[in-house]
Amino acid sequence: METVVLPIGERAPQVPDDTKKTPLRAFTKGFLQEESATRGDRVTVRTMSDRLVKGTVSDLPVSPTHTFGDSVPELTAVHRQVFELMFGGESK
């Protein structure tokens, strides 16, 4: 999911000219809160830190060129269990 943080024209004056011509974008991974979505749809995702973030579905890869490995589904389940133990409620 992609969110425009600073549109063109609102970038800092000291950034290079080629950078000023592009918006500052944030890419967020999370769990889709809508039933379904396709590229270009406005959506809300719930991040692993339990934040709700709104943005546009993008087809650009979210992962950086360096990586710590693929997502491990078992760790998602453990995360939810630890969240419940620490905070006394279910993670969304």
N, C-alpha and C. Protein backbone atom coordinates (compact mmCIF):
# COMPACT_ATOMS: atom_id res chain seq x y z
N MET A 1 0.84 -1.16 0.00
CA MET A 1 0.00 0.00 0.00
C MET A 1 0.89 1.23 0.00
N GLU A 2 0.48 2.24 -0.70
CA GLU A 2 1.29 3.44 -0.88
C GLU A 2 0.53 4.66 -0.36
N THR A 3 1.26 5.55 0.32
CA THR A 3 0.70 6.80 0.81
C THR A 3 1.63 7.93 0.39
N VAL A 4 1.08 9.01 -0.12
CA VAL A 4 1.90 10.18 -0.44
C VAL A 4 2.06 11.00 0.84
N VAL A 5 3.30 11.11 1.30
CA VAL A 5 3.60 11.85 2.53
C VAL A 5 3.74 13.34 2.22
N LEU A 6 4.50 13.65 1.17
CA LEU A 6 4.67 15.04 0.72
C LEU A 6 4.48 15.09 -0.79
N PRO A 7 3.46 15.80 -1.27
CA PRO A 7 3.28 15.91 -2.72
C PRO A 7 4.34 16.81 -3.35
N ILE A 8 4.42 16.74 -4.68
CA ILE A 8 5.34 17.62 -5.42
C ILE A 8 4.99 19.07 -5.04
N GLY A 9 6.02 19.87 -4.79
CA GLY A 9 5.79 21.26 -4.40
C GLY A 9 5.86 21.48 -2.90
N GLU A 10 5.80 20.41 -2.13
CA GLU A 10 5.89 20.53 -0.68
C GLU A 10 7.17 19.91 -0.13
N ARG A 11 8.05 19.48 -1.04
CA ARG A 11 9.32 18.91 -0.60
C ARG A 11 10.21 20.02 -0.06
N ALA A 12 11.18 19.66 0.78
CA ALA A 12 12.10 20.64 1.36
C ALA A 12 12.89 21.34 0.26
N PRO A 13 13.18 22.62 0.42
CA PRO A 13 13.87 23.37 -0.64
C PRO A 13 15.29 22.88 -0.91
N GLN A 14 15.92 22.24 0.05
CA GLN A 14 17.31 21.83 -0.14
C GLN A 14 17.47 20.48 -0.84
N VAL A 15 16.38 19.79 -1.17
CA VAL A 15 16.52 18.51 -1.86
C VAL A 15 16.90 18.75 -3.32
N PRO A 16 17.59 17.80 -3.94
CA PRO A 16 17.99 17.97 -5.34
C PRO A 16 16.79 18.19 -6.25
N ASP A 17 17.02 18.86 -7.38
CA ASP A 17 15.94 19.20 -8.31
C ASP A 17 15.16 17.98 -8.79
N ASP A 18 15.88 16.88 -9.09
CA ASP A 18 15.16 15.69 -9.58
C ASP A 18 14.28 15.10 -8.47
N THR A 19 14.69 15.25 -7.23
CA THR A 19 13.88 14.76 -6.11
C THR A 19 12.64 15.62 -5.91
N LYS A 20 12.78 16.93 -6.12
CA LYS A 20 11.64 17.84 -5.98
C LYS A 20 10.52 17.52 -6.95
N LYS A 21 10.85 16.85 -8.05
CA LYS A 21 9.86 16.54 -9.08
C LYS A 21 9.06 15.28 -8.79
N THR A 22 9.33 14.65 -7.66
CA THR A 22 8.59 13.43 -7.30
C THR A 22 8.01 13.57 -5.89
N PRO A 23 6.86 12.98 -5.64
CA PRO A 23 6.31 13.03 -4.29
C PRO A 23 7.09 12.10 -3.35
N LEU A 24 7.09 12.42 -2.07
CA LEU A 24 7.67 11.53 -1.07
C LEU A 24 6.59 10.52 -0.73
N ARG A 25 6.89 9.25 -0.96
CA ARG A 25 5.89 8.20 -0.76
C ARG A 25 6.34 7.25 0.34
N ALA A 26 5.36 6.71 1.06
CA ALA A 26 5.61 5.68 2.07
C ALA A 26 4.91 4.41 1.61
N PHE A 27 5.57 3.29 1.78
CA PHE A 27 4.99 2.00 1.44
C PHE A 27 4.80 1.21 2.73
N THR A 28 3.61 0.68 2.92
CA THR A 28 3.25 0.03 4.17
C THR A 28 2.73 -1.37 3.91
N LYS A 29 3.20 -2.31 4.71
CA LYS A 29 2.66 -3.68 4.69
C LYS A 29 1.66 -3.80 5.82
N GLY A 30 0.66 -4.62 5.61
CA GLY A 30 -0.31 -4.85 6.66
C GLY A 30 -1.40 -5.79 6.19
N PHE A 31 -2.39 -5.94 7.05
CA PHE A 31 -3.52 -6.82 6.78
C PHE A 31 -4.68 -5.98 6.27
N LEU A 32 -5.15 -6.29 5.08
CA LEU A 32 -6.23 -5.56 4.44
C LEU A 32 -7.49 -5.61 5.29
N GLN A 33 -8.10 -4.46 5.53
CA GLN A 33 -9.31 -4.39 6.35
C GLN A 33 -10.58 -4.50 5.52
N GLU A 34 -10.47 -4.26 4.21
CA GLU A 34 -11.60 -4.42 3.32
C GLU A 34 -11.69 -5.88 2.89
N GLU A 35 -12.81 -6.23 2.31
CA GLU A 35 -13.02 -7.61 1.84
C GLU A 35 -12.04 -7.98 0.73
N SER A 36 -11.83 -7.05 -0.21
CA SER A 36 -10.89 -7.28 -1.31
C SER A 36 -10.49 -5.93 -1.89
N ALA A 37 -9.43 -5.95 -2.70
CA ALA A 37 -8.95 -4.71 -3.32
C ALA A 37 -8.09 -5.05 -4.53
N THR A 38 -8.00 -4.11 -5.45
CA THR A 38 -7.11 -4.24 -6.60
C THR A 38 -6.27 -2.98 -6.70
N ARG A 39 -5.25 -3.03 -7.56
CA ARG A 39 -4.34 -1.90 -7.71
C ARG A 39 -5.12 -0.62 -7.98
N GLY A 40 -4.77 0.43 -7.24
CA GLY A 40 -5.41 1.73 -7.41
C GLY A 40 -6.54 2.00 -6.42
N ASP A 41 -7.03 0.96 -5.74
CA ASP A 41 -8.11 1.15 -4.76
C ASP A 41 -7.59 1.81 -3.49
N ARG A 42 -8.42 2.66 -2.88
CA ARG A 42 -8.11 3.24 -1.56
C ARG A 42 -8.49 2.20 -0.52
N VAL A 43 -7.56 1.89 0.39
CA VAL A 43 -7.79 0.84 1.38
C VAL A 43 -7.25 1.25 2.74
N THR A 44 -7.58 0.45 3.73
CA THR A 44 -7.01 0.56 5.07
C THR A 44 -6.33 -0.76 5.39
N VAL A 45 -5.12 -0.69 5.94
CA VAL A 45 -4.44 -1.90 6.40
C VAL A 45 -4.12 -1.74 7.88
N ARG A 46 -4.09 -2.87 8.58
CA ARG A 46 -3.69 -2.90 9.98
C ARG A 46 -2.27 -3.45 10.01
N THR A 47 -1.34 -2.66 10.55
CA THR A 47 0.07 -3.05 10.57
C THR A 47 0.33 -4.01 11.73
N MET A 48 1.52 -4.59 11.75
CA MET A 48 1.89 -5.49 12.85
C MET A 48 1.95 -4.75 14.18
N SER A 49 2.14 -3.43 14.14
CA SER A 49 2.14 -2.65 15.38
C SER A 49 0.73 -2.17 15.72
N ASP A 50 -0.28 -2.72 15.04
CA ASP A 50 -1.69 -2.48 15.31
C ASP A 50 -2.16 -1.08 14.92
N ARG A 51 -1.42 -0.41 14.00
CA ARG A 51 -1.87 0.88 13.49
C ARG A 51 -2.77 0.66 12.29
N LEU A 52 -3.75 1.53 12.11
CA LEU A 52 -4.57 1.52 10.90
C LEU A 52 -4.04 2.61 9.99
N VAL A 53 -3.67 2.23 8.77
CA VAL A 53 -3.08 3.17 7.81
C VAL A 53 -3.90 3.11 6.52
N LYS A 54 -4.24 4.30 6.00
CA LYS A 54 -5.00 4.38 4.75
C LYS A 54 -4.07 4.77 3.61
N GLY A 55 -4.33 4.20 2.44
CA GLY A 55 -3.52 4.51 1.28
C GLY A 55 -4.09 3.84 0.04
N THR A 56 -3.26 3.75 -0.98
CA THR A 56 -3.66 3.21 -2.27
C THR A 56 -2.90 1.92 -2.55
N VAL A 57 -3.62 0.90 -3.00
CA VAL A 57 -2.97 -0.36 -3.34
C VAL A 57 -2.02 -0.11 -4.51
N SER A 58 -0.80 -0.56 -4.34
CA SER A 58 0.25 -0.36 -5.34
C SER A 58 0.76 -1.71 -5.82
N ASP A 59 1.29 -1.73 -7.03
CA ASP A 59 1.90 -2.97 -7.50
C ASP A 59 3.42 -2.93 -7.37
N LEU A 60 3.93 -1.87 -6.73
CA LEU A 60 5.36 -1.79 -6.50
C LEU A 60 5.74 -2.68 -5.34
N PRO A 61 6.90 -3.33 -5.41
CA PRO A 61 7.31 -4.19 -4.29
C PRO A 61 7.59 -3.35 -3.05
N VAL A 62 7.10 -3.80 -1.92
CA VAL A 62 7.30 -3.08 -0.66
C VAL A 62 8.66 -3.41 -0.08
N SER A 63 9.15 -4.59 -0.33
CA SER A 63 10.40 -5.03 0.27
C SER A 63 11.58 -4.25 -0.30
N PRO A 64 12.48 -3.83 0.56
CA PRO A 64 13.69 -3.15 0.08
C PRO A 64 14.60 -4.16 -0.61
N THR A 65 15.66 -3.65 -1.24
CA THR A 65 16.58 -4.56 -1.92
C THR A 65 17.34 -5.41 -0.92
N HIS A 66 17.59 -4.90 0.27
CA HIS A 66 18.17 -5.74 1.31
C HIS A 66 17.00 -6.37 2.07
N THR A 67 17.22 -7.52 2.64
CA THR A 67 16.11 -8.22 3.27
C THR A 67 16.58 -9.02 4.47
N PHE A 68 15.66 -9.28 5.36
CA PHE A 68 15.91 -10.15 6.50
C PHE A 68 15.22 -11.49 6.28
N GLY A 69 14.80 -11.75 5.04
CA GLY A 69 14.16 -13.01 4.70
C GLY A 69 12.68 -12.85 4.46
N ASP A 70 12.06 -13.92 4.02
CA ASP A 70 10.63 -13.92 3.75
C ASP A 70 9.83 -13.85 5.04
N SER A 71 8.60 -13.41 4.92
CA SER A 71 7.68 -13.39 6.05
C SER A 71 7.44 -14.82 6.52
N VAL A 72 7.39 -15.01 7.84
CA VAL A 72 7.17 -16.34 8.41
C VAL A 72 5.80 -16.35 9.07
N PRO A 73 4.82 -17.04 8.48
CA PRO A 73 3.45 -17.02 9.02
C PRO A 73 3.37 -17.44 10.49
N GLU A 74 4.22 -18.37 10.90
CA GLU A 74 4.20 -18.81 12.30
C GLU A 74 4.52 -17.67 13.26
N LEU A 75 5.39 -16.75 12.82
CA LEU A 75 5.74 -15.62 13.68
C LEU A 75 4.57 -14.66 13.84
N THR A 76 3.71 -14.57 12.85
CA THR A 76 2.51 -13.74 12.97
C THR A 76 1.62 -14.29 14.07
N ALA A 77 1.45 -15.61 14.12
CA ALA A 77 0.64 -16.23 15.17
C ALA A 77 1.26 -16.00 16.54
N VAL A 78 2.57 -16.14 16.64
CA VAL A 78 3.26 -15.91 17.92
C VAL A 78 3.12 -14.45 18.33
N HIS A 79 3.23 -13.53 17.37
CA HIS A 79 3.07 -12.10 17.67
C HIS A 79 1.72 -11.84 18.33
N ARG A 80 0.68 -12.43 17.77
CA ARG A 80 -0.66 -12.23 18.32
C ARG A 80 -0.77 -12.79 19.73
N GLN A 81 -0.16 -13.95 19.98
CA GLN A 81 -0.20 -14.55 21.32
C GLN A 81 0.53 -13.68 22.33
N VAL A 82 1.70 -13.19 21.95
CA VAL A 82 2.48 -12.33 22.86
C VAL A 82 1.73 -11.04 23.13
N PHE A 83 1.12 -10.46 22.09
CA PHE A 83 0.34 -9.23 22.25
C PHE A 83 -0.76 -9.45 23.28
N GLU A 84 -1.46 -10.57 23.18
CA GLU A 84 -2.55 -10.87 24.11
C GLU A 84 -2.03 -11.04 25.53
N LEU A 85 -0.90 -11.73 25.69
CA LEU A 85 -0.32 -11.93 27.02
C LEU A 85 0.14 -10.61 27.64
N MET A 86 0.76 -9.76 26.83
CA MET A 86 1.32 -8.52 27.36
C MET A 86 0.26 -7.45 27.61
N PHE A 87 -0.74 -7.37 26.75
CA PHE A 87 -1.68 -6.27 26.82
C PHE A 87 -3.09 -6.69 27.20
N GLY A 88 -3.29 -7.97 27.46
CA GLY A 88 -4.57 -8.44 27.97
C GLY A 88 -5.71 -8.40 26.98
N GLY A 89 -5.42 -8.38 25.73
CA GLY A 89 -6.47 -8.36 24.73
C GLY A 89 -5.96 -8.93 23.44
N GLU A 90 -6.85 -9.21 22.55
CA GLU A 90 -6.46 -9.77 21.27
C GLU A 90 -5.92 -8.69 20.35
N SER A 91 -4.86 -9.03 19.63
CA SER A 91 -4.39 -8.17 18.56
C SER A 91 -5.37 -8.29 17.42
N LYS A 92 -5.64 -7.21 16.72
CA LYS A 92 -6.65 -7.23 15.65
C LYS A 92 -6.15 -7.96 14.43
